[in-house]
Amino acid sequence: MNCSCHCNGKCKLLGGLEQKIMDVIWSSPEPLKPQEVLFKLEGDYAYTTIMTVLKRMADKKILHRQLKGKVYYYSSTTDKQTFACECLADLFDRLFDSYGQELVTSFRLSAQKHKIKI
């Protein structure tokens, strides 16, 4: 993944349900209603839970929220690659600030475990 983002700390890592919702949103070519998101999610979620999470993600500027008639439609503010790049850059910066060389050692060991050459 080529990354040229300049994350300024706004980036937030997603929780489990947020990640599932974003995968649904990113896979859709057009904005979705909460009911459409719920239908495409795997799992047993309440409609009100999905509505609440979508609203909170819009408040965090992760999603666009647009009222059409009486229903809100949601779409991503950025594509998946850019979002991931911004989040990871922010996370790595914070980890390097806190752990420095220990982070590098741990990352190298994890890469070896997953058979990834670095």
PDB file of N, CA and C in Angstrom:
ATOM      1  N   MET A   1       0.857  -1.174   0.000  1.00  0.00           N
ATOM      2  CA  MET A   1       0.000   0.000   0.000  1.00  0.00           C
ATOM      3  C   MET A   1       0.898   1.229   0.000  1.00  0.00           C
ATOM      4  N   ASN A   2       0.816   2.043  -1.017  1.00  0.00           N
ATOM      5  CA  ASN A   2       1.580   3.281  -1.057  1.00  0.00           C
ATOM      6  C   ASN A   2       0.821   4.348  -0.301  1.00  0.00           C
ATOM      7  N   CYS A   3       1.515   5.027   0.587  1.00  0.00           N
ATOM      8  CA  CYS A   3       0.862   5.985   1.466  1.00  0.00           C
ATOM      9  C   CYS A   3       1.557   7.327   1.410  1.00  0.00           C
ATOM     10  N   SER A   4       0.795   8.363   1.154  1.00  0.00           N
ATOM     11  CA  SER A   4       1.363   9.713   1.184  1.00  0.00           C
ATOM     12  C   SER A   4       0.483  10.625   2.027  1.00  0.00           C
ATOM     13  N   CYS A   5      -0.215  10.032   2.980  1.00  0.00           N
ATOM     14  CA  CYS A   5      -1.120  10.826   3.808  1.00  0.00           C
ATOM     15  C   CYS A   5      -0.360  11.606   4.863  1.00  0.00           C
ATOM     16  N   HIS A   6      -1.006  12.586   5.408  1.00  0.00           N
ATOM     17  CA  HIS A   6      -0.433  13.400   6.470  1.00  0.00           C
ATOM     18  C   HIS A   6      -1.452  13.481   7.592  1.00  0.00           C
ATOM     19  N   CYS A   7      -1.603  12.378   8.300  1.00  0.00           N
ATOM     20  CA  CYS A   7      -2.576  12.301   9.373  1.00  0.00           C
ATOM     21  C   CYS A   7      -2.184  13.265  10.485  1.00  0.00           C
ATOM     22  N   ASN A   8      -3.143  14.037  10.931  1.00  0.00           N
ATOM     23  CA  ASN A   8      -2.843  14.996  11.997  1.00  0.00           C
ATOM     24  C   ASN A   8      -3.537  14.611  13.298  1.00  0.00           C
ATOM     25  N   GLY A   9      -3.632  13.323  13.548  1.00  0.00           N
ATOM     26  CA  GLY A   9      -4.171  12.856  14.818  1.00  0.00           C
ATOM     27  C   GLY A   9      -5.684  12.726  14.844  1.00  0.00           C
ATOM     28  N   LYS A  10      -6.360  13.035  13.747  1.00  0.00           N
ATOM     29  CA  LYS A  10      -7.814  12.913  13.715  1.00  0.00           C
ATOM     30  C   LYS A  10      -8.237  11.456  13.553  1.00  0.00           C
ATOM     31  N   CYS A  11      -7.332  10.646  13.101  1.00  0.00           N
ATOM     32  CA  CYS A  11      -7.654   9.276  12.758  1.00  0.00           C
ATOM     33  C   CYS A  11      -7.983   8.453  13.993  1.00  0.00           C
ATOM     34  N   LYS A  12      -8.971   7.638  13.883  1.00  0.00           N
ATOM     35  CA  LYS A  12      -9.379   6.776  14.980  1.00  0.00           C
ATOM     36  C   LYS A  12      -9.426   5.334  14.481  1.00  0.00           C
ATOM     37  N   LEU A  13      -8.941   4.431  15.297  1.00  0.00           N
ATOM     38  CA  LEU A  13      -9.081   3.026  14.965  1.00  0.00           C
ATOM     39  C   LEU A  13     -10.535   2.635  15.172  1.00  0.00           C
ATOM     40  N   LEU A  14     -11.000   1.732  14.359  1.00  0.00           N
ATOM     41  CA  LEU A  14     -12.403   1.325  14.413  1.00  0.00           C
ATOM     42  C   LEU A  14     -12.611   0.168  15.376  1.00  0.00           C
ATOM     43  N   GLY A  15     -13.760   0.161  16.027  1.00  0.00           N
ATOM     44  CA  GLY A  15     -14.170  -0.979  16.824  1.00  0.00           C
ATOM     45  C   GLY A  15     -14.676  -2.081  15.903  1.00  0.00           C
ATOM     46  N   GLY A  16     -14.989  -3.231  16.466  1.00  0.00           N
ATOM     47  CA  GLY A  16     -15.411  -4.378  15.670  1.00  0.00           C
ATOM     48  C   GLY A  16     -16.634  -4.112  14.802  1.00  0.00           C
ATOM     49  N   LEU A  17     -17.702  -3.567  15.390  1.00  0.00           N
ATOM     50  CA  LEU A  17     -18.917  -3.291  14.625  1.00  0.00           C
ATOM     51  C   LEU A  17     -18.682  -2.154  13.635  1.00  0.00           C
ATOM     52  N   GLU A  18     -17.907  -1.156  14.037  1.00  0.00           N
ATOM     53  CA  GLU A  18     -17.594  -0.057  13.117  1.00  0.00           C
ATOM     54  C   GLU A  18     -16.857  -0.583  11.881  1.00  0.00           C
ATOM     55  N   GLN A  19     -15.924  -1.511  12.080  1.00  0.00           N
ATOM     56  CA  GLN A  19     -15.178  -2.070  10.953  1.00  0.00           C
ATOM     57  C   GLN A  19     -16.114  -2.821  10.017  1.00  0.00           C
ATOM     58  N   LYS A  20     -17.031  -3.606  10.583  1.00  0.00           N
ATOM     59  CA  LYS A  20     -17.994  -4.339   9.745  1.00  0.00           C
ATOM     60  C   LYS A  20     -18.866  -3.373   8.952  1.00  0.00           C
ATOM     61  N   ILE A  21     -19.297  -2.310   9.591  1.00  0.00           N
ATOM     62  CA  ILE A  21     -20.126  -1.310   8.912  1.00  0.00           C
ATOM     63  C   ILE A  21     -19.328  -0.638   7.797  1.00  0.00           C
ATOM     64  N   MET A  22     -18.081  -0.286   8.083  1.00  0.00           N
ATOM     65  CA  MET A  22     -17.268   0.363   7.054  1.00  0.00           C
ATOM     66  C   MET A  22     -17.032  -0.573   5.880  1.00  0.00           C
ATOM     67  N   ASP A  23     -16.840  -1.860   6.111  1.00  0.00           N
ATOM     68  CA  ASP A  23     -16.671  -2.803   5.016  1.00  0.00           C
ATOM     69  C   ASP A  23     -17.915  -2.822   4.123  1.00  0.00           C
ATOM     70  N   VAL A  24     -19.093  -2.738   4.738  1.00  0.00           N
ATOM     71  CA  VAL A  24     -20.340  -2.671   3.966  1.00  0.00           C
ATOM     72  C   VAL A  24     -20.406  -1.361   3.176  1.00  0.00           C
ATOM     73  N   ILE A  25     -20.092  -0.255   3.831  1.00  0.00           N
ATOM     74  CA  ILE A  25     -20.139   1.055   3.174  1.00  0.00           C
ATOM     75  C   ILE A  25     -19.135   1.113   2.026  1.00  0.00           C
ATOM     76  N   TRP A  26     -17.897   0.670   2.271  1.00  0.00           N
ATOM     77  CA  TRP A  26     -16.864   0.713   1.235  1.00  0.00           C
ATOM     78  C   TRP A  26     -17.208  -0.176   0.045  1.00  0.00           C
ATOM     79  N   SER A  27     -17.955  -1.247   0.269  1.00  0.00           N
ATOM     80  CA  SER A  27     -18.294  -2.149  -0.834  1.00  0.00           C
ATOM     81  C   SER A  27     -19.481  -1.655  -1.665  1.00  0.00           C
ATOM     82  N   SER A  28     -20.116  -0.594  -1.217  1.00  0.00           N
ATOM     83  CA  SER A  28     -21.284  -0.080  -1.936  1.00  0.00           C
ATOM     84  C   SER A  28     -20.899   1.097  -2.834  1.00  0.00           C
ATOM     85  N   PRO A  29     -21.363   1.077  -4.076  1.00  0.00           N
ATOM     86  CA  PRO A  29     -21.059   2.193  -4.980  1.00  0.00           C
ATOM     87  C   PRO A  29     -21.891   3.446  -4.691  1.00  0.00           C
ATOM     88  N   GLU A  30     -22.914   3.300  -3.865  1.00  0.00           N
ATOM     89  CA  GLU A  30     -23.772   4.449  -3.555  1.00  0.00           C
ATOM     90  C   GLU A  30     -24.074   4.507  -2.062  1.00  0.00           C
ATOM     91  N   PRO A  31     -24.489   5.673  -1.557  1.00  0.00           N
ATOM     92  CA  PRO A  31     -24.832   5.797  -0.132  1.00  0.00           C
ATOM     93  C   PRO A  31     -25.924   4.803   0.276  1.00  0.00           C
ATOM     94  N   LEU A  32     -25.875   4.385   1.525  1.00  0.00           N
ATOM     95  CA  LEU A  32     -26.815   3.384   2.034  1.00  0.00           C
ATOM     96  C   LEU A  32     -27.644   3.927   3.193  1.00  0.00           C
ATOM     97  N   LYS A  33     -28.876   3.450   3.274  1.00  0.00           N
ATOM     98  CA  LYS A  33     -29.742   3.714   4.420  1.00  0.00           C
ATOM     99  C   LYS A  33     -29.344   2.748   5.530  1.00  0.00           C
ATOM    100  N   PRO A  34     -29.647   3.087   6.788  1.00  0.00           N
ATOM    101  CA  PRO A  34     -29.337   2.165   7.891  1.00  0.00           C
ATOM    102  C   PRO A  34     -29.916   0.764   7.676  1.00  0.00           C
ATOM    103  N   GLN A  35     -31.128   0.684   7.148  1.00  0.00           N
ATOM    104  CA  GLN A  35     -31.752  -0.621   6.912  1.00  0.00           C
ATOM    105  C   GLN A  35     -30.943  -1.443   5.913  1.00  0.00           C
ATOM    106  N   GLU A  36     -30.371  -0.789   4.896  1.00  0.00           N
ATOM    107  CA  GLU A  36     -29.559  -1.493   3.908  1.00  0.00           C
ATOM    108  C   GLU A  36     -28.245  -1.976   4.534  1.00  0.00           C
ATOM    109  N   VAL A  37     -27.672  -1.159   5.395  1.00  0.00           N
ATOM    110  CA  VAL A  37     -26.453  -1.571   6.099  1.00  0.00           C
ATOM    111  C   VAL A  37     -26.756  -2.782   6.972  1.00  0.00           C
ATOM    112  N   LEU A  38     -27.847  -2.711   7.728  1.00  0.00           N
ATOM    113  CA  LEU A  38     -28.251  -3.813   8.596  1.00  0.00           C
ATOM    114  C   LEU A  38     -28.439  -5.098   7.791  1.00  0.00           C
ATOM    115  N   PHE A  39     -29.099  -5.000   6.649  1.00  0.00           N
ATOM    116  CA  PHE A  39     -29.363  -6.174   5.807  1.00  0.00           C
ATOM    117  C   PHE A  39     -28.070  -6.824   5.325  1.00  0.00           C
ATOM    118  N   LYS A  40     -27.059  -6.013   5.027  1.00  0.00           N
ATOM    119  CA  LYS A  40     -25.806  -6.541   4.484  1.00  0.00           C
ATOM    120  C   LYS A  40     -24.836  -7.030   5.563  1.00  0.00           C
ATOM    121  N   LEU A  41     -25.083  -6.675   6.817  1.00  0.00           N
ATOM    122  CA  LEU A  41     -24.218  -7.130   7.906  1.00  0.00           C
ATOM    123  C   LEU A  41     -24.514  -8.577   8.260  1.00  0.00           C
ATOM    124  N   GLU A  42     -23.447  -9.291   8.584  1.00  0.00           N
ATOM    125  CA  GLU A  42     -23.630 -10.641   9.111  1.00  0.00           C
ATOM    126  C   GLU A  42     -23.685 -10.532  10.628  1.00  0.00           C
ATOM    127  N   GLY A  43     -24.676 -11.131  11.207  1.00  0.00           N
ATOM    128  CA  GLY A  43     -24.829 -11.055  12.655  1.00  0.00           C
ATOM    129  C   GLY A  43     -26.224 -10.584  13.009  1.00  0.00           C
ATOM    130  N   ASP A  44     -26.518 -10.642  14.276  1.00  0.00           N
ATOM    131  CA  ASP A  44     -27.841 -10.298  14.772  1.00  0.00           C
ATOM    132  C   ASP A  44     -27.760  -8.955  15.492  1.00  0.00           C
ATOM    133  N   TYR A  45     -27.975  -7.872  14.747  1.00  0.00           N
ATOM    134  CA  TYR A  45     -27.891  -6.521  15.303  1.00  0.00           C
ATOM    135  C   TYR A  45     -29.263  -5.858  15.279  1.00  0.00           C
ATOM    136  N   ALA A  46     -29.512  -5.048  16.262  1.00  0.00           N
ATOM    137  CA  ALA A  46     -30.758  -4.274  16.302  1.00  0.00           C
ATOM    138  C   ALA A  46     -30.627  -3.084  15.351  1.00  0.00           C
ATOM    139  N   TYR A  47     -31.717  -2.737  14.711  1.00  0.00           N
ATOM    140  CA  TYR A  47     -31.748  -1.590  13.807  1.00  0.00           C
ATOM    141  C   TYR A  47     -31.292  -0.326  14.529  1.00  0.00           C
ATOM    142  N   THR A  48     -31.732  -0.150  15.756  1.00  0.00           N
ATOM    143  CA  THR A  48     -31.373   1.054  16.513  1.00  0.00           C
ATOM    144  C   THR A  48     -29.870   1.104  16.821  1.00  0.00           C
ATOM    145  N   THR A  49     -29.274  -0.054  17.009  1.00  0.00           N
ATOM    146  CA  THR A  49     -27.823  -0.108  17.241  1.00  0.00           C
ATOM    147  C   THR A  49     -27.084   0.385  16.000  1.00  0.00           C
ATOM    148  N   ILE A  50     -27.501  -0.090  14.839  1.00  0.00           N
ATOM    149  CA  ILE A  50     -26.856   0.322  13.583  1.00  0.00           C
ATOM    150  C   ILE A  50     -27.059   1.816  13.359  1.00  0.00           C
ATOM    151  N   MET A  51     -28.256   2.305  13.607  1.00  0.00           N
ATOM    152  CA  MET A  51     -28.515   3.746  13.454  1.00  0.00           C
ATOM    153  C   MET A  51     -27.606   4.562  14.374  1.00  0.00           C
ATOM    154  N   THR A  52     -27.455   4.129  15.613  1.00  0.00           N
ATOM    155  CA  THR A  52     -26.625   4.849  16.583  1.00  0.00           C
ATOM    156  C   THR A  52     -25.167   4.856  16.162  1.00  0.00           C
ATOM    157  N   VAL A  53     -24.650   3.709  15.741  1.00  0.00           N
ATOM    158  CA  VAL A  53     -23.245   3.627  15.332  1.00  0.00           C
ATOM    159  C   VAL A  53     -23.006   4.467  14.081  1.00  0.00           C
ATOM    160  N   LEU A  54     -23.916   4.414  13.122  1.00  0.00           N
ATOM    161  CA  LEU A  54     -23.778   5.238  11.914  1.00  0.00           C
ATOM    162  C   LEU A  54     -23.742   6.722  12.263  1.00  0.00           C
ATOM    163  N   LYS A  55     -24.623   7.157  13.146  1.00  0.00           N
ATOM    164  CA  LYS A  55     -24.668   8.562  13.560  1.00  0.00           C
ATOM    165  C   LYS A  55     -23.371   8.964  14.244  1.00  0.00           C
ATOM    166  N   ARG A  56     -22.875   8.118  15.131  1.00  0.00           N
ATOM    167  CA  ARG A  56     -21.627   8.430  15.835  1.00  0.00           C
ATOM    168  C   ARG A  56     -20.440   8.494  14.869  1.00  0.00           C
ATOM    169  N   MET A  57     -20.438   7.611  13.874  1.00  0.00           N
ATOM    170  CA  MET A  57     -19.361   7.623  12.889  1.00  0.00           C
ATOM    171  C   MET A  57     -19.443   8.887  12.021  1.00  0.00           C
ATOM    172  N   ALA A  58     -20.644   9.347  11.769  1.00  0.00           N
ATOM    173  CA  ALA A  58     -20.806  10.612  11.043  1.00  0.00           C
ATOM    174  C   ALA A  58     -20.322  11.778  11.902  1.00  0.00           C
ATOM    175  N   ASP A  59     -20.620  11.736  13.187  1.00  0.00           N
ATOM    176  CA  ASP A  59     -20.146  12.781  14.109  1.00  0.00           C
ATOM    177  C   ASP A  59     -18.623  12.818  14.168  1.00  0.00           C
ATOM    178  N   LYS A  60     -17.975  11.649  14.020  1.00  0.00           N
ATOM    179  CA  LYS A  60     -16.512  11.567  14.035  1.00  0.00           C
ATOM    180  C   LYS A  60     -15.909  11.883  12.660  1.00  0.00           C
ATOM    181  N   LYS A  61     -16.776  12.211  11.705  1.00  0.00           N
ATOM    182  CA  LYS A  61     -16.345  12.558  10.333  1.00  0.00           C
ATOM    183  C   LYS A  61     -15.748  11.370   9.581  1.00  0.00           C
ATOM    184  N   ILE A  62     -16.144  10.164   9.961  1.00  0.00           N
ATOM    185  CA  ILE A  62     -15.741   8.967   9.234  1.00  0.00           C
ATOM    186  C   ILE A  62     -16.729   8.710   8.101  1.00  0.00           C
ATOM    187  N   LEU A  63     -17.986   9.100   8.318  1.00  0.00           N
ATOM    188  CA  LEU A  63     -19.039   8.937   7.311  1.00  0.00           C
ATOM    189  C   LEU A  63     -19.681  10.278   6.987  1.00  0.00           C
ATOM    190  N   HIS A  64     -20.136  10.386   5.731  1.00  0.00           N
ATOM    191  CA  HIS A  64     -21.012  11.488   5.342  1.00  0.00           C
ATOM    192  C   HIS A  64     -22.431  11.055   5.679  1.00  0.00           C
ATOM    193  N   ARG A  65     -23.243  11.977   6.135  1.00  0.00           N
ATOM    194  CA  ARG A  65     -24.640  11.694   6.468  1.00  0.00           C
ATOM    195  C   ARG A  65     -25.497  12.701   5.714  1.00  0.00           C
ATOM    196  N   GLN A  66     -26.396  12.203   4.854  1.00  0.00           N
ATOM    197  CA  GLN A  66     -27.222  13.098   4.038  1.00  0.00           C
ATOM    198  C   GLN A  66     -28.693  12.701   4.157  1.00  0.00           C
ATOM    199  N   LEU A  67     -29.508  13.682   4.495  1.00  0.00           N
ATOM    200  CA  LEU A  67     -30.947  13.450   4.618  1.00  0.00           C
ATOM    201  C   LEU A  67     -31.592  13.539   3.236  1.00  0.00           C
ATOM    202  N   LYS A  68     -32.318  12.475   2.868  1.00  0.00           N
ATOM    203  CA  LYS A  68     -33.081  12.438   1.620  1.00  0.00           C
ATOM    204  C   LYS A  68     -34.504  12.051   2.000  1.00  0.00           C
ATOM    205  N   GLY A  69     -35.411  13.004   1.882  1.00  0.00           N
ATOM    206  CA  GLY A  69     -36.766  12.761   2.355  1.00  0.00           C
ATOM    207  C   GLY A  69     -36.743  12.667   3.867  1.00  0.00           C
ATOM    208  N   LYS A  70     -37.161  11.518   4.383  1.00  0.00           N
ATOM    209  CA  LYS A  70     -37.179  11.316   5.837  1.00  0.00           C
ATOM    210  C   LYS A  70     -36.097  10.338   6.315  1.00  0.00           C
ATOM    211  N   VAL A  71     -35.199   9.970   5.409  1.00  0.00           N
ATOM    212  CA  VAL A  71     -34.210   8.948   5.727  1.00  0.00           C
ATOM    213  C   VAL A  71     -32.799   9.486   5.509  1.00  0.00           C
ATOM    214  N   TYR A  72     -31.887   9.149   6.426  1.00  0.00           N
ATOM    215  CA  TYR A  72     -30.477   9.482   6.262  1.00  0.00           C
ATOM    216  C   TYR A  72     -29.784   8.392   5.453  1.00  0.00           C
ATOM    217  N   TYR A  73     -28.904   8.836   4.576  1.00  0.00           N
ATOM    218  CA  TYR A  73     -28.058   7.946   3.786  1.00  0.00           C
ATOM    219  C   TYR A  73     -26.613   8.192   4.208  1.00  0.00           C
ATOM    220  N   TYR A  74     -25.826   7.120   4.215  1.00  0.00           N
ATOM    221  CA  TYR A  74     -24.453   7.201   4.690  1.00  0.00           C
ATOM    222  C   TYR A  74     -23.478   6.733   3.619  1.00  0.00           C
ATOM    223  N   SER A  75     -22.359   7.459   3.531  1.00  0.00           N
ATOM    224  CA  SER A  75     -21.268   7.076   2.640  1.00  0.00           C
ATOM    225  C   SER A  75     -19.959   7.431   3.331  1.00  0.00           C
ATOM    226  N   SER A  76     -18.879   6.842   2.863  1.00  0.00           N
ATOM    227  CA  SER A  76     -17.582   7.064   3.481  1.00  0.00           C
ATOM    228  C   SER A  76     -17.012   8.421   3.081  1.00  0.00           C
ATOM    229  N   THR A  77     -16.267   9.017   3.993  1.00  0.00           N
ATOM    230  CA  THR A  77     -15.598  10.283   3.693  1.00  0.00           C
ATOM    231  C   THR A  77     -14.319  10.054   2.893  1.00  0.00           C
ATOM    232  N   THR A  78     -13.827   8.802   2.886  1.00  0.00           N
ATOM    233  CA  THR A  78     -12.603   8.472   2.159  1.00  0.00           C
ATOM    234  C   THR A  78     -12.614   6.997   1.784  1.00  0.00           C
ATOM    235  N   ASP A  79     -11.755   6.618   0.873  1.00  0.00           N
ATOM    236  CA  ASP A  79     -11.686   5.210   0.480  1.00  0.00           C
ATOM    237  C   ASP A  79     -10.937   4.407   1.551  1.00  0.00           C
ATOM    238  N   LYS A  80     -11.048   3.099   1.467  1.00  0.00           N
ATOM    239  CA  LYS A  80     -10.486   2.216   2.491  1.00  0.00           C
ATOM    240  C   LYS A  80      -8.967   2.359   2.593  1.00  0.00           C
ATOM    241  N   GLN A  81      -8.279   2.430   1.475  1.00  0.00           N
ATOM    242  CA  GLN A  81      -6.823   2.519   1.495  1.00  0.00           C
ATOM    243  C   GLN A  81      -6.352   3.793   2.195  1.00  0.00           C
ATOM    244  N   THR A  82      -6.965   4.919   1.876  1.00  0.00           N
ATOM    245  CA  THR A  82      -6.581   6.182   2.497  1.00  0.00           C
ATOM    246  C   THR A  82      -6.882   6.158   3.987  1.00  0.00           C
ATOM    247  N   PHE A  83      -8.056   5.651   4.343  1.00  0.00           N
ATOM    248  CA  PHE A  83      -8.424   5.565   5.753  1.00  0.00           C
ATOM    249  C   PHE A  83      -7.424   4.711   6.526  1.00  0.00           C
ATOM    250  N   ALA A  84      -7.106   3.534   5.986  1.00  0.00           N
ATOM    251  CA  ALA A  84      -6.165   2.643   6.657  1.00  0.00           C
ATOM    252  C   ALA A  84      -4.797   3.304   6.786  1.00  0.00           C
ATOM    253  N   CYS A  85      -4.365   3.949   5.736  1.00  0.00           N
ATOM    254  CA  CYS A  85      -3.070   4.616   5.746  1.00  0.00           C
ATOM    255  C   CYS A  85      -3.011   5.686   6.836  1.00  0.00           C
ATOM    256  N   GLU A  86      -4.042   6.495   6.932  1.00  0.00           N
ATOM    257  CA  GLU A  86      -4.079   7.554   7.940  1.00  0.00           C
ATOM    258  C   GLU A  86      -4.086   6.978   9.354  1.00  0.00           C
ATOM    259  N   CYS A  87      -4.893   5.954   9.558  1.00  0.00           N
ATOM    260  CA  CYS A  87      -4.969   5.343  10.893  1.00  0.00           C
ATOM    261  C   CYS A  87      -3.660   4.684  11.281  1.00  0.00           C
ATOM    262  N   LEU A  88      -3.079   3.947  10.349  1.00  0.00           N
ATOM    263  CA  LEU A  88      -1.829   3.255  10.664  1.00  0.00           C
ATOM    264  C   LEU A  88      -0.684   4.230  10.868  1.00  0.00           C
ATOM    265  N   ALA A  89      -0.618   5.283  10.062  1.00  0.00           N
ATOM    266  CA  ALA A  89       0.435   6.283  10.242  1.00  0.00           C
ATOM    267  C   ALA A  89       0.329   6.916  11.622  1.00  0.00           C
ATOM    268  N   ASP A  90      -0.878   7.267  12.018  1.00  0.00           N
ATOM    269  CA  ASP A  90      -1.094   7.859  13.343  1.00  0.00           C
ATOM    270  C   ASP A  90      -0.734   6.865  14.451  1.00  0.00           C
ATOM    271  N   LEU A  91      -1.197   5.622  14.310  1.00  0.00           N
ATOM    272  CA  LEU A  91      -0.908   4.597  15.308  1.00  0.00           C
ATOM    273  C   LEU A  91       0.592   4.355  15.426  1.00  0.00           C
ATOM    274  N   PHE A  92       1.273   4.184  14.294  1.00  0.00           N
ATOM    275  CA  PHE A  92       2.714   3.927  14.328  1.00  0.00           C
ATOM    276  C   PHE A  92       3.475   5.099  14.935  1.00  0.00           C
ATOM    277  N   ASP A  93       3.072   6.324  14.612  1.00  0.00           N
ATOM    278  CA  ASP A  93       3.733   7.485  15.208  1.00  0.00           C
ATOM    279  C   ASP A  93       3.621   7.452  16.730  1.00  0.00           C
ATOM    280  N   ARG A  94       2.425   7.164  17.223  1.00  0.00           N
ATOM    281  CA  ARG A  94       2.227   7.115  18.677  1.00  0.00           C
ATOM    282  C   ARG A  94       2.999   5.963  19.307  1.00  0.00           C
ATOM    283  N   LEU A  95       3.027   4.810  18.628  1.00  0.00           N
ATOM    284  CA  LEU A  95       3.774   3.663  19.148  1.00  0.00           C
ATOM    285  C   LEU A  95       5.275   3.931  19.145  1.00  0.00           C
ATOM    286  N   PHE A  96       5.781   4.533  18.066  1.00  0.00           N
ATOM    287  CA  PHE A  96       7.218   4.875  18.030  1.00  0.00           C
ATOM    288  C   PHE A  96       7.564   5.863  19.129  1.00  0.00           C
ATOM    289  N   ASP A  97       6.704   6.840  19.351  1.00  0.00           N
ATOM    290  CA  ASP A  97       6.956   7.814  20.415  1.00  0.00           C
ATOM    291  C   ASP A  97       7.039   7.133  21.780  1.00  0.00           C
ATOM    292  N   SER A  98       6.205   6.130  21.996  1.00  0.00           N
ATOM    293  CA  SER A  98       6.158   5.466  23.303  1.00  0.00           C
ATOM    294  C   SER A  98       7.176   4.346  23.460  1.00  0.00           C
ATOM    295  N   TYR A  99       7.431   3.577  22.371  1.00  0.00           N
ATOM    296  CA  TYR A  99       8.198   2.348  22.518  1.00  0.00           C
ATOM    297  C   TYR A  99       9.467   2.261  21.684  1.00  0.00           C
ATOM    298  N   GLY A 100       9.638   3.090  20.700  1.00  0.00           N
ATOM    299  CA  GLY A 100      10.864   3.135  19.905  1.00  0.00           C
ATOM    300  C   GLY A 100      11.356   1.787  19.427  1.00  0.00           C
ATOM    301  N   GLN A 101      12.563   1.421  19.859  1.00  0.00           N
ATOM    302  CA  GLN A 101      13.214   0.197  19.390  1.00  0.00           C
ATOM    303  C   GLN A 101      12.412  -1.055  19.738  1.00  0.00           C
ATOM    304  N   GLU A 102      11.725  -1.067  20.876  1.00  0.00           N
ATOM    305  CA  GLU A 102      10.914  -2.224  21.249  1.00  0.00           C
ATOM    306  C   GLU A 102       9.831  -2.482  20.201  1.00  0.00           C
ATOM    307  N   LEU A 103       9.276  -1.410  19.655  1.00  0.00           N
ATOM    308  CA  LEU A 103       8.266  -1.554  18.604  1.00  0.00           C
ATOM    309  C   LEU A 103       8.874  -2.194  17.360  1.00  0.00           C
ATOM    310  N   VAL A 104      10.052  -1.748  16.973  1.00  0.00           N
ATOM    311  CA  VAL A 104      10.709  -2.293  15.782  1.00  0.00           C
ATOM    312  C   VAL A 104      10.984  -3.775  15.969  1.00  0.00           C
ATOM    313  N   THR A 105      11.495  -4.151  17.118  1.00  0.00           N
ATOM    314  CA  THR A 105      11.788  -5.561  17.412  1.00  0.00           C
ATOM    315  C   THR A 105      10.515  -6.393  17.374  1.00  0.00           C
ATOM    316  N   SER A 106       9.472  -5.912  18.012  1.00  0.00           N
ATOM    317  CA  SER A 106       8.199  -6.631  18.041  1.00  0.00           C
ATOM    318  C   SER A 106       7.596  -6.755  16.647  1.00  0.00           C
ATOM    319  N   PHE A 107       7.675  -5.686  15.883  1.00  0.00           N
ATOM    320  CA  PHE A 107       7.141  -5.700  14.518  1.00  0.00           C
ATOM    321  C   PHE A 107       7.895  -6.722  13.662  1.00  0.00           C
ATOM    322  N   ARG A 108       9.213  -6.747  13.793  1.00  0.00           N
ATOM    323  CA  ARG A 108      10.026  -7.689  13.021  1.00  0.00           C
ATOM    324  C   ARG A 108       9.652  -9.122  13.388  1.00  0.00           C
ATOM    325  N   LEU A 109       9.482  -9.415  14.680  1.00  0.00           N
ATOM    326  CA  LEU A 109       9.102 -10.762  15.115  1.00  0.00           C
ATOM    327  C   LEU A 109       7.716 -11.147  14.588  1.00  0.00           C
ATOM    328  N   SER A 110       6.786 -10.207  14.618  1.00  0.00           N
ATOM    329  CA  SER A 110       5.438 -10.479  14.098  1.00  0.00           C
ATOM    330  C   SER A 110       5.478 -10.735  12.599  1.00  0.00           C
ATOM    331  N   ALA A 111       6.283  -9.964  11.878  1.00  0.00           N
ATOM    332  CA  ALA A 111       6.404 -10.163  10.432  1.00  0.00           C
ATOM    333  C   ALA A 111       6.975 -11.550  10.131  1.00  0.00           C
ATOM    334  N   GLN A 112       7.974 -11.969  10.904  1.00  0.00           N
ATOM    335  CA  GLN A 112       8.545 -13.307  10.715  1.00  0.00           C
ATOM    336  C   GLN A 112       7.510 -14.384  10.994  1.00  0.00           C
ATOM    337  N   LYS A 113       6.742 -14.197  12.046  1.00  0.00           N
ATOM    338  CA  LYS A 113       5.693 -15.158  12.420  1.00  0.00           C
ATOM    339  C   LYS A 113       4.679 -15.328  11.282  1.00  0.00           C
ATOM    340  N   HIS A 114       4.379 -14.236  10.598  1.00  0.00           N
ATOM    341  CA  HIS A 114       3.399 -14.250   9.506  1.00  0.00           C
ATOM    342  C   HIS A 114       4.062 -14.446   8.148  1.00  0.00           C
ATOM    343  N   LYS A 115       5.370 -14.750   8.177  1.00  0.00           N
ATOM    344  CA  LYS A 115       6.148 -15.014   6.964  1.00  0.00           C
ATOM    345  C   LYS A 115       6.102 -13.855   5.968  1.00  0.00           C
ATOM    346  N   ILE A 116       6.254 -12.642   6.513  1.00  0.00           N
ATOM    347  CA  ILE A 116       6.275 -11.431   5.697  1.00  0.00           C
ATOM    348  C   ILE A 116       7.694 -10.884   5.721  1.00  0.00           C
ATOM    349  N   LYS A 117       8.256 -10.687   4.535  1.00  0.00           N
ATOM    350  CA  LYS A 117       9.608 -10.118   4.450  1.00  0.00           C
ATOM    351  C   LYS A 117       9.547  -8.618   4.592  1.00  0.00           C
ATOM    352  N   ILE A 118      10.422  -8.085   5.451  1.00  0.00           N
ATOM    353  CA  ILE A 118      10.512  -6.625   5.592  1.00  0.00           C
ATOM    354  C   ILE A 118      11.946  -6.181   5.384  1.00  0.00           C
TER     355      ILE A 118
END
